[in-house]
């Protein structure tokens, strides 16, 4: 693995550096999840991951702030994208419909940010990762609830926005768990539609 710092200074140099950085992050995360699955999360150190990737420990921390974060990929970036998509939905669209449409569009990216089946199984079996996932999802829900209230023409109080966003998160979680139980063979989008239909409020 190369470190992918990027040295271009003209034209698309900045974009190239960012694409290279993302590619390295993805490769590093896939390597780490494989090592966690083989050796165990607690038994695998940052030094182990960095050595396997041909990086220094310092270089590892340039891509991820902690060992836990390597499992979650670009969760923060995905959360920001979802919030932006929520703000861009048509004025007057019911909040629940907005959440259903946006999360269905982003469902693939959400799962990719958790490294698919191996990553989800790892998270479910590792208390430290489950705790980090809950913390990240709390942050995501807060930003999405704020985006719901910021939509043009929105007339939502903070309580309702929080409640609807939490319900949407529960739908996403239930769909993910069912997909995991099915060994990754179920239709995730269909599961998400089913979950939203079951929870559908009259708002």
Foldseek 3Di string as FASTA:
>chain_A
DDLQCFDDDDDCRVVSSVVSLLVLLLVLLVQLLVCCLVPNLVRADLCNSQVVVVHHSVSSCVNPVGSLQSQQRPLVVLLVVLLVQLQPDDAPDDLLVSLLVSCLVCVVVRCVSRVHQSSVVNLVVDPVNVVVVVVSVVVSLVSNLVSQCNHVNRDDDSVVSSVSSVQLVVQLVVLVVVCNVVVNPDDSSVSSVVSSVVVPDPD
